[in-house]
Amino acid sequence: VQFVESGGGLVQPGGSLRLSCAASGFDFSSYAMNWYRQRPAKERELIAQIGTAGNSLYFADSVRGRFSISRNNALNTVYLQMNSLKPEDTTIYYCNRYDLGRAWGPGTQVTVSS
């Protein structure tokens, strides 16, 4: 099982980014997928979940209304569209299968700063 996140970068407050996560090693289309983030000295936080059919299942209060999640089962890829970004969104973002909790990828760094 492997996850490779990409799409992070430096963006100004109010800007947008689209993160991608390429998954491999399992039947991607059969599993819900999660996006997480981990701020320094804090626990990894679940921020969004998507079902197998592309239905959004969960958003953390901190991102609801600003972030959306989608997937392409043909490409084994899950996406996180982040709009109206705030400085407090700055951290590393990870994806994972909803039930796995291991085999974490390298993550992708998002920095929101003027």
Protein backbone atom coordinates (compact mmCIF):
# COMPACT_ATOMS: atom_id res chain seq x y z
CA VAL A 1 0.00 0.00 0.00
CA GLN A 2 1.37 3.42 -0.93
CA PHE A 3 0.16 7.00 -0.93
CA VAL A 4 1.88 9.90 -2.67
CA GLU A 5 0.57 13.38 -2.02
CA SER A 6 1.28 16.38 -4.23
CA GLY A 7 0.05 19.86 -5.08
CA GLY A 8 1.10 21.77 -2.00
CA GLY A 9 2.90 25.09 -2.09
CA LEU A 10 2.93 28.68 -0.98
CA VAL A 11 -0.28 30.64 -1.40
CA GLN A 12 -1.56 33.98 -0.15
CA PRO A 13 -4.45 34.16 2.32
CA GLY A 14 -7.71 33.78 0.44
CA GLY A 15 -6.08 31.74 -2.27
CA SER A 16 -6.71 28.21 -3.45
CA LEU A 17 -4.80 24.98 -3.91
CA ARG A 18 -5.74 21.54 -5.18
CA LEU A 19 -3.99 18.63 -3.55
CA SER A 20 -3.76 15.20 -5.17
CA CYS A 21 -3.06 11.81 -3.65
CA ALA A 22 -2.12 8.84 -5.80
CA ALA A 23 -2.87 5.53 -4.09
CA SER A 24 -1.65 2.06 -4.98
CA GLY A 25 -1.48 -1.46 -3.60
CA PHE A 26 -5.17 -2.02 -2.94
CA ASP A 27 -8.54 -1.87 -4.69
CA PHE A 28 -8.91 1.90 -4.50
CA SER A 29 -12.50 2.05 -5.72
CA SER A 30 -13.68 -0.16 -2.85
CA TYR A 31 -12.56 2.08 -0.01
CA ALA A 32 -13.52 5.42 1.42
CA MET A 33 -10.57 7.80 1.53
CA ASN A 34 -9.50 10.44 4.02
CA TRP A 35 -7.46 13.62 4.02
CA TYR A 36 -5.60 14.57 7.19
CA ARG A 37 -3.32 17.33 8.34
CA GLN A 38 -0.83 17.48 11.18
CA ARG A 39 0.20 20.75 12.73
CA PRO A 40 3.41 20.92 14.78
CA ALA A 41 3.10 19.33 18.21
CA LYS A 42 -0.47 18.26 17.51
CA GLU A 43 -2.22 15.03 16.65
CA ARG A 44 -2.92 14.21 13.04
CA GLU A 45 -6.38 15.63 12.30
CA LEU A 46 -8.99 14.09 10.00
CA ILE A 47 -10.31 16.91 7.84
CA ALA A 48 -12.29 15.24 5.05
CA GLN A 49 -13.63 11.86 3.96
CA ILE A 50 -15.11 10.67 0.70
CA GLY A 51 -17.12 7.54 0.00
CA THR A 52 -16.48 5.05 -2.75
CA ALA A 53 -19.02 6.65 -5.07
CA GLY A 54 -17.61 10.14 -4.63
CA ASN A 55 -20.01 11.29 -1.93
CA SER A 56 -18.54 13.55 0.74
CA LEU A 57 -18.92 11.91 4.13
CA TYR A 58 -17.20 14.25 6.56
CA PHE A 59 -15.57 17.64 6.88
CA ALA A 60 -13.94 19.02 10.00
CA ASP A 61 -15.56 22.20 11.30
CA SER A 62 -12.34 24.05 10.58
CA VAL A 63 -12.57 23.42 6.82
CA ARG A 64 -16.27 22.91 6.11
CA GLY A 65 -17.51 25.29 3.43
CA ARG A 66 -13.99 26.04 2.21
CA PHE A 67 -12.61 22.61 1.25
CA SER A 68 -14.10 19.96 -1.00
CA ILE A 69 -13.03 16.38 -1.67
CA SER A 70 -13.33 14.34 -4.83
CA ARG A 71 -11.89 11.20 -6.38
CA ASN A 72 -11.16 9.57 -9.71
CA ASN A 73 -11.38 5.81 -9.31
CA ALA A 74 -9.95 5.23 -12.78
CA LEU A 75 -6.77 7.05 -11.73
CA ASN A 76 -6.68 5.78 -8.13
CA THR A 77 -6.48 9.39 -7.04
CA VAL A 78 -8.23 11.46 -4.40
CA TYR A 79 -8.24 15.26 -4.44
CA LEU A 80 -8.66 18.03 -1.90
CA GLN A 81 -9.76 21.39 -3.27
CA MET A 82 -8.89 24.09 -0.76
CA ASN A 83 -10.41 27.55 -1.17
CA SER A 84 -10.36 30.67 0.99
CA LEU A 85 -7.15 29.50 2.59
CA LYS A 86 -6.11 30.93 5.94
CA PRO A 87 -2.70 31.12 7.63
CA GLU A 88 -3.90 28.51 10.13
CA ASP A 89 -4.26 26.03 7.27
CA THR A 90 -0.48 25.98 7.03
CA THR A 91 0.80 22.47 7.67
CA ILE A 92 1.50 19.14 6.00
CA TYR A 93 -1.43 17.31 4.41
CA TYR A 94 -1.74 13.54 4.07
CA CYS A 95 -4.20 11.10 2.60
CA ASN A 96 -4.94 7.54 3.66
CA ARG A 97 -7.49 4.81 3.33
CA TYR A 98 -10.23 5.36 5.89
CA ASP A 99 -9.47 2.16 7.83
CA LEU A 100 -5.71 1.84 7.46
CA GLY A 101 -3.89 4.31 9.69
CA ARG A 102 -0.47 3.21 8.47
CA ALA A 103 1.77 3.33 5.39
CA TRP A 104 1.63 7.11 5.49
CA GLY A 105 3.00 8.94 2.51
CA PRO A 106 5.41 11.87 2.65
CA GLY A 107 2.60 14.41 2.71
CA THR A 108 2.55 17.72 0.91
CA GLN A 109 3.37 21.04 2.57
CA VAL A 110 0.85 23.86 2.35
CA THR A 111 1.96 27.32 3.43
CA VAL A 112 -0.52 30.18 3.56
CA SER A 113 1.26 33.47 3.99
CA SER A 114 1.41 36.94 2.53
